[in-house]
Amino acid sequence: MAIRLIFNPAEQPLAGCSKMWGCPDLPDALEYPTVSVEDGDETIEDPMTFVCQIRLADIAALDPEGRLPHEGMLYFFACLDHFFGNFDALASPGMGEWDSRYFRVLYSKQSDDLHPHRIVFDDGTPYGLPAESISFEHCPDKADGFKLLGKPFFDEIEDLFPGWTTLLQLDCDDRWNLLFYDMGMLVFLQQDGDIRCYLHSL
């Protein structure tokens, strides 16, 4: 079975909790990931979009096989600006398998003494969407939507990565204005410590 992610808007910062969007709560040993992009004659370190953090103790009861650790925090970052409608984004990975510089998955065994890493624009506006809390429930292995574990919804991705585990599957969502081309999905996959990211659409 896979694990579905269920989201709810939150009024509190959700520090140290499982959450979608907002800002990550990182230990001192982890830095906020960036991607190097060329803007004319200048190289810019552009912050990736923080996707979510999973407090792994929250999913332990739904993962009796221990496919993921049951302690610590798992963090996902990716270059998503283009898919939120910013079509001038300098880092736009496109369809298919993404180069590793366009995404990052971080793990920390530490789940306390974490510090929020807020990214703001020059006018002080927070970068990214407001944080939403995440709850979890079982779902079929090949479910669509937002999920952990299981198999990719699209057979085409599973055919390209036979035997790989879905770490995280992201779907389109009108509420967030998140659109992966024509009803596509972005999937983080893992096998033997190797992590890939693949975007497929109808």
Protein backbone atom coordinates (compact mmCIF):
# COMPACT_ATOMS: atom_id res chain seq x y z
CA MET A 1 0.00 0.00 0.00
CA ALA A 2 1.00 3.60 -0.60
CA ILE A 3 0.38 6.54 1.75
CA ARG A 4 -1.88 9.39 0.62
CA LEU A 5 -1.14 12.96 1.70
CA ILE A 6 -4.14 14.99 2.88
CA PHE A 7 -3.75 18.77 3.22
CA ASN A 8 -5.40 21.34 5.45
CA PRO A 9 -4.71 25.10 5.61
CA ALA A 10 -3.01 26.06 8.86
CA GLU A 11 -2.98 29.27 10.87
CA GLN A 12 0.13 28.32 12.86
CA PRO A 13 3.70 28.02 11.47
CA LEU A 14 3.76 24.19 11.85
CA ALA A 15 7.34 24.24 13.08
CA GLY A 16 8.78 20.73 13.13
CA CYS A 17 5.56 19.19 11.79
CA SER A 18 4.76 17.42 8.55
CA LYS A 19 3.74 20.18 6.14
CA MET A 20 3.30 21.10 2.51
CA TRP A 21 4.79 24.40 1.29
CA GLY A 22 5.70 27.15 3.73
CA CYS A 23 9.34 27.05 4.81
CA PRO A 24 11.45 24.06 5.86
CA ASP A 25 12.58 23.54 9.44
CA LEU A 26 16.16 22.38 9.01
CA PRO A 27 18.93 21.33 11.36
CA ASP A 28 22.11 23.40 11.26
CA ALA A 29 23.85 20.66 9.24
CA LEU A 30 21.56 21.10 6.22
CA GLU A 31 21.56 24.09 3.88
CA TYR A 32 18.62 25.32 1.84
CA PRO A 33 19.13 23.96 -1.71
CA THR A 34 19.67 26.29 -4.66
CA VAL A 35 20.19 25.83 -8.40
CA SER A 36 22.81 27.73 -10.41
CA VAL A 37 21.19 29.51 -13.38
CA GLU A 38 22.59 31.86 -15.98
CA ASP A 39 20.99 35.31 -16.29
CA GLY A 40 22.86 37.11 -19.04
CA ASP A 41 26.47 37.38 -17.92
CA GLU A 42 25.58 36.60 -14.31
CA THR A 43 25.26 33.27 -12.49
CA ILE A 44 22.50 33.30 -9.89
CA GLU A 45 21.96 30.84 -7.04
CA ASP A 46 18.19 30.53 -7.26
CA PRO A 47 16.40 28.94 -4.27
CA MET A 48 14.43 25.82 -5.11
CA THR A 49 10.80 25.63 -4.13
CA PHE A 50 10.37 23.91 -0.80
CA VAL A 51 7.76 21.23 -1.49
CA CYS A 52 7.21 19.47 1.82
CA GLN A 53 8.74 17.99 4.93
CA ILE A 54 7.62 14.67 6.37
CA ARG A 55 8.08 13.94 10.08
CA LEU A 56 8.69 10.25 9.63
CA ALA A 57 7.24 9.25 13.00
CA ASP A 58 3.88 10.40 11.56
CA ILE A 59 3.86 7.63 8.94
CA ALA A 60 5.43 4.81 10.99
CA ALA A 61 2.08 3.07 11.64
CA LEU A 62 1.29 3.19 7.89
CA ASP A 63 4.67 1.72 6.91
CA PRO A 64 5.02 -1.50 8.92
CA GLU A 65 7.51 -2.87 6.36
CA GLY A 66 9.93 -0.05 7.20
CA ARG A 67 10.32 1.14 3.61
CA LEU A 68 11.23 4.55 5.04
CA PRO A 69 12.97 5.38 8.32
CA HIS A 70 10.57 5.91 11.21
CA GLU A 71 12.55 8.71 12.81
CA GLY A 72 13.82 12.05 11.62
CA MET A 73 12.65 14.35 8.82
CA LEU A 74 12.46 13.91 5.05
CA TYR A 75 12.56 17.07 2.90
CA PHE A 76 11.70 17.60 -0.78
CA PHE A 77 12.75 20.56 -2.93
CA ALA A 78 12.33 21.14 -6.68
CA CYS A 79 12.43 23.89 -9.32
CA LEU A 80 8.67 24.40 -9.62
CA ASP A 81 8.31 28.11 -10.46
CA HIS A 82 7.40 27.38 -14.09
CA PHE A 83 4.61 25.02 -13.01
CA PHE A 84 3.06 27.70 -10.80
CA GLY A 85 2.66 29.91 -13.88
CA ASN A 86 5.96 31.80 -13.77
CA PHE A 87 6.84 31.04 -17.38
CA ASP A 88 9.87 33.33 -17.24
CA ALA A 89 11.50 31.15 -14.58
CA LEU A 90 15.18 30.67 -15.34
CA ALA A 91 15.23 27.06 -14.11
CA SER A 92 12.54 25.12 -16.00
CA PRO A 93 13.46 21.43 -16.21
CA GLY A 94 10.67 20.40 -18.61
CA MET A 95 9.35 16.92 -19.38
CA GLY A 96 11.01 13.58 -18.77
CA GLU A 97 13.82 12.81 -16.33
CA TRP A 98 15.17 15.88 -14.55
CA ASP A 99 18.83 16.64 -14.16
CA SER A 100 19.80 16.18 -10.51
CA ARG A 101 20.55 19.90 -10.12
CA TYR A 102 16.81 20.68 -10.42
CA PHE A 103 15.63 18.77 -7.35
CA ARG A 104 16.85 17.72 -3.93
CA VAL A 105 15.76 15.18 -1.31
CA LEU A 106 17.29 15.62 2.13
CA TYR A 107 17.09 13.45 5.21
CA SER A 108 17.90 14.33 8.79
CA LYS A 109 17.81 11.82 11.61
CA GLN A 110 17.29 14.84 13.81
CA SER A 111 13.68 15.96 14.34
CA ASP A 112 14.17 18.48 17.14
CA ASP A 113 16.22 21.68 17.48
CA LEU A 114 15.22 22.61 13.93
CA HIS A 115 15.22 26.14 12.55
CA PRO A 116 12.86 27.68 9.97
CA HIS A 117 14.61 28.77 6.77
CA ARG A 118 12.43 31.52 5.33
CA ILE A 119 13.10 32.83 1.82
CA VAL A 120 11.66 36.27 1.05
CA PHE A 121 11.68 38.56 -1.98
CA ASP A 122 13.25 42.02 -1.86
CA ASP A 123 9.94 43.54 -0.72
CA GLY A 124 9.68 41.07 2.17
CA THR A 125 7.01 38.90 0.54
CA PRO A 126 7.49 35.22 1.48
CA TYR A 127 8.67 32.94 -1.31
CA GLY A 128 6.28 30.08 -2.00
CA LEU A 129 2.81 29.17 -0.80
CA PRO A 130 1.49 29.28 2.79
CA ALA A 131 2.13 26.12 4.78
CA GLU A 132 -0.57 23.47 5.02
CA SER A 133 -0.63 20.61 7.49
CA ILE A 134 -0.40 17.04 6.23
CA SER A 135 -2.24 14.00 7.53
CA PHE A 136 -1.81 10.51 6.12
CA GLU A 137 -3.89 7.46 5.16
CA HIS A 138 -3.40 4.27 3.17
CA CYS A 139 -4.19 4.29 -0.54
CA PRO A 140 -3.67 1.84 -3.44
CA ASP A 141 -0.11 1.40 -4.72
CA LYS A 142 -0.91 3.03 -8.08
CA ALA A 143 -3.20 5.78 -6.79
CA ASP A 144 -3.14 9.18 -8.43
CA GLY A 145 -2.83 12.36 -6.40
CA PHE A 146 -0.22 13.18 -3.78
CA LYS A 147 1.32 10.15 -2.11
CA LEU A 148 4.37 8.51 -0.58
CA LEU A 149 5.61 5.05 -1.57
CA GLY A 150 3.78 2.66 -3.89
CA LYS A 151 4.19 2.81 -7.66
CA PRO A 152 3.87 5.74 -10.07
CA PHE A 153 0.34 6.33 -11.36
CA PHE A 154 1.60 6.50 -14.94
CA ASP A 155 2.62 3.11 -16.35
CA GLU A 156 5.15 4.90 -18.56
CA ILE A 157 7.18 5.96 -15.51
CA GLU A 158 6.99 2.49 -13.95
CA ASP A 159 8.18 0.97 -17.25
CA LEU A 160 11.20 3.28 -17.26
CA PHE A 161 12.04 2.59 -13.61
CA PRO A 162 11.04 -1.04 -12.93
CA GLY A 163 11.38 -1.97 -9.28
CA TRP A 164 11.92 1.60 -8.11
CA THR A 165 9.97 2.99 -5.14
CA THR A 166 7.94 6.18 -5.35
CA LEU A 167 9.30 8.44 -2.64
CA LEU A 168 6.81 11.22 -3.44
CA GLN A 169 4.26 11.77 -6.20
CA LEU A 170 2.99 15.30 -6.94
CA ASP A 171 -0.19 15.89 -8.94
CA CYS A 172 -1.75 18.98 -10.50
CA ASP A 173 -3.89 21.08 -8.14
CA ASP A 174 -6.02 24.04 -9.24
CA ARG A 175 -6.22 25.38 -5.70
CA TRP A 176 -2.48 26.03 -5.76
CA ASN A 177 -2.37 26.87 -9.48
CA LEU A 178 0.03 23.93 -9.83
CA LEU A 179 -0.05 22.49 -13.35
CA PHE A 180 2.39 19.95 -14.77
CA TYR A 181 1.56 20.61 -18.43
CA ASP A 182 -1.43 18.49 -19.56
CA MET A 183 -2.54 16.84 -16.29
CA GLY A 184 0.95 15.58 -15.53
CA MET A 185 2.62 14.31 -12.38
CA LEU A 186 6.08 14.78 -10.95
CA VAL A 187 7.50 11.70 -9.24
CA PHE A 188 10.55 11.34 -6.97
CA LEU A 189 11.84 7.75 -7.22
CA GLN A 190 14.38 5.81 -5.18
CA GLN A 191 16.35 2.59 -5.57
CA ASP A 192 19.43 1.54 -3.57
CA GLY A 193 20.16 5.10 -2.49
CA ASP A 194 19.84 6.53 -6.01
CA ILE A 195 17.13 9.19 -6.34
CA ARG A 196 15.61 10.33 -9.63
CA CYS A 197 12.85 12.78 -10.55
CA TYR A 198 10.59 12.31 -13.56
CA LEU A 199 7.78 14.42 -15.05
CA HIS A 200 5.16 12.79 -17.28
CA SER A 201 1.87 14.13 -18.62
CA LEU A 202 -1.06 12.81 -20.64
